[in-house]
Amino acid sequence: MPEIQKAELINQKLKTITNPIGNLLVDGFHALTLFVIGAAIVWSAMHTIFDMAGNGRITIEDILLLFNLS
């Protein structure tokens, strides 16, 4: 039985060390992913606006394209 208690103690110590590291990595990945998604949205919107400006005219289809949710 003492060997099982030692193993449980080691497991608890390991969790104490690895859980904060894991949480940090997950939070960092989450922030990075949100930044990439936001940057892609801004880039896409700017690309569409520059295309409309390059055509010299803006149609209702162009405006509605900016609000397309599909």
C-alpha atoms as a PDB file:
ATOM      1  CA  MET A   1       0.000   0.000   0.000  1.00  0.00           C
ATOM      2  CA  PRO A   2       2.786   2.547   0.686  1.00  0.00           C
ATOM      3  CA  GLU A   3       3.961   2.187  -2.921  1.00  0.00           C
ATOM      4  CA  ILE A   4       0.518   3.183  -4.202  1.00  0.00           C
ATOM      5  CA  GLN A   5       0.522   6.224  -1.911  1.00  0.00           C
ATOM      6  CA  LYS A   6       3.955   7.204  -3.210  1.00  0.00           C
ATOM      7  CA  ALA A   7       2.711   6.875  -6.781  1.00  0.00           C
ATOM      8  CA  GLU A   8      -0.342   9.017  -5.989  1.00  0.00           C
ATOM      9  CA  LEU A   9       1.876  11.646  -4.359  1.00  0.00           C
ATOM     10  CA  ILE A  10       4.151  11.735  -7.395  1.00  0.00           C
ATOM     11  CA  ASN A  11       1.098  11.997  -9.640  1.00  0.00           C
ATOM     12  CA  GLN A  12      -0.235  14.950  -7.623  1.00  0.00           C
ATOM     13  CA  LYS A  13       3.134  16.732  -7.750  1.00  0.00           C
ATOM     14  CA  LEU A  14       3.334  16.144 -11.492  1.00  0.00           C
ATOM     15  CA  LYS A  15      -0.156  17.591 -11.971  1.00  0.00           C
ATOM     16  CA  THR A  16       0.797  20.611  -9.861  1.00  0.00           C
ATOM     17  CA  ILE A  17       3.665  21.314 -12.255  1.00  0.00           C
ATOM     18  CA  THR A  18       2.066  20.407 -15.597  1.00  0.00           C
ATOM     19  CA  ASN A  19      -1.429  21.913 -15.202  1.00  0.00           C
ATOM     20  CA  PRO A  20      -0.263  25.563 -15.178  1.00  0.00           C
ATOM     21  CA  ILE A  21       2.001  24.893 -18.164  1.00  0.00           C
ATOM     22  CA  GLY A  22      -0.823  23.226 -20.056  1.00  0.00           C
ATOM     23  CA  ASN A  23      -3.205  26.067 -19.236  1.00  0.00           C
ATOM     24  CA  LEU A  24      -0.647  28.609 -20.434  1.00  0.00           C
ATOM     25  CA  LEU A  25      -0.166  26.757 -23.726  1.00  0.00           C
ATOM     26  CA  VAL A  26      -3.908  26.427 -24.315  1.00  0.00           C
ATOM     27  CA  ASP A  27      -4.520  30.106 -23.524  1.00  0.00           C
ATOM     28  CA  GLY A  28      -1.651  31.149 -25.779  1.00  0.00           C
ATOM     29  CA  PHE A  29      -2.954  29.011 -28.652  1.00  0.00           C
ATOM     30  CA  HIS A  30      -6.442  30.425 -28.106  1.00  0.00           C
ATOM     31  CA  ALA A  31      -5.189  34.026 -28.279  1.00  0.00           C
ATOM     32  CA  LEU A  32      -3.045  33.296 -31.345  1.00  0.00           C
ATOM     33  CA  THR A  33      -5.942  31.631 -33.143  1.00  0.00           C
ATOM     34  CA  LEU A  34      -8.295  34.533 -32.407  1.00  0.00           C
ATOM     35  CA  PHE A  35      -5.680  36.972 -33.699  1.00  0.00           C
ATOM     36  CA  VAL A  36      -5.231  34.983 -36.924  1.00  0.00           C
ATOM     37  CA  ILE A  37      -9.008  34.792 -37.490  1.00  0.00           C
ATOM     38  CA  GLY A  38      -9.388  38.523 -36.848  1.00  0.00           C
ATOM     39  CA  ALA A  39      -6.510  39.365 -39.178  1.00  0.00           C
ATOM     40  CA  ALA A  40      -8.008  37.170 -41.920  1.00  0.00           C
ATOM     41  CA  ILE A  41     -11.368  38.930 -41.588  1.00  0.00           C
ATOM     42  CA  VAL A  42      -9.779  42.384 -41.793  1.00  0.00           C
ATOM     43  CA  TRP A  43      -7.607  41.364 -44.757  1.00  0.00           C
ATOM     44  CA  SER A  44     -10.590  39.901 -46.592  1.00  0.00           C
ATOM     45  CA  ALA A  45     -12.725  43.004 -46.000  1.00  0.00           C
ATOM     46  CA  MET A  46      -9.931  45.324 -47.145  1.00  0.00           C
ATOM     47  CA  HIS A  47      -9.331  43.208 -50.249  1.00  0.00           C
ATOM     48  CA  THR A  48     -13.028  43.413 -51.136  1.00  0.00           C
ATOM     49  CA  ILE A  49     -13.132  47.181 -50.546  1.00  0.00           C
ATOM     50  CA  PHE A  50     -10.050  47.732 -52.725  1.00  0.00           C
ATOM     51  CA  ASP A  51     -11.593  45.592 -55.474  1.00  0.00           C
ATOM     52  CA  MET A  52     -14.758  47.710 -55.350  1.00  0.00           C
ATOM     53  CA  ALA A  53     -12.710  50.912 -55.449  1.00  0.00           C
ATOM     54  CA  GLY A  54     -10.657  49.557 -58.354  1.00  0.00           C
ATOM     55  CA  ASN A  55     -13.817  48.952 -60.381  1.00  0.00           C
ATOM     56  CA  GLY A  56     -14.725  52.601 -60.011  1.00  0.00           C
ATOM     57  CA  ARG A  57     -18.236  51.812 -58.891  1.00  0.00           C
ATOM     58  CA  ILE A  58     -19.969  49.981 -56.083  1.00  0.00           C
ATOM     59  CA  THR A  59     -23.091  47.917 -56.673  1.00  0.00           C
ATOM     60  CA  ILE A  60     -25.629  46.713 -54.170  1.00  0.00           C
ATOM     61  CA  GLU A  61     -24.220  43.191 -54.638  1.00  0.00           C
ATOM     62  CA  ASP A  62     -20.816  44.448 -53.512  1.00  0.00           C
ATOM     63  CA  ILE A  63     -22.269  46.010 -50.379  1.00  0.00           C
ATOM     64  CA  LEU A  64     -24.292  42.920 -49.550  1.00  0.00           C
ATOM     65  CA  LEU A  65     -21.167  40.789 -50.057  1.00  0.00           C
ATOM     66  CA  LEU A  66     -19.568  42.564 -47.089  1.00  0.00           C
ATOM     67  CA  PHE A  67     -22.400  41.330 -44.848  1.00  0.00           C
ATOM     68  CA  ASN A  68     -22.597  37.782 -46.223  1.00  0.00           C
ATOM     69  CA  LEU A  69     -22.813  35.410 -43.248  1.00  0.00           C
ATOM     70  CA  SER A  70     -22.626  32.130 -45.117  1.00  0.00           C
END
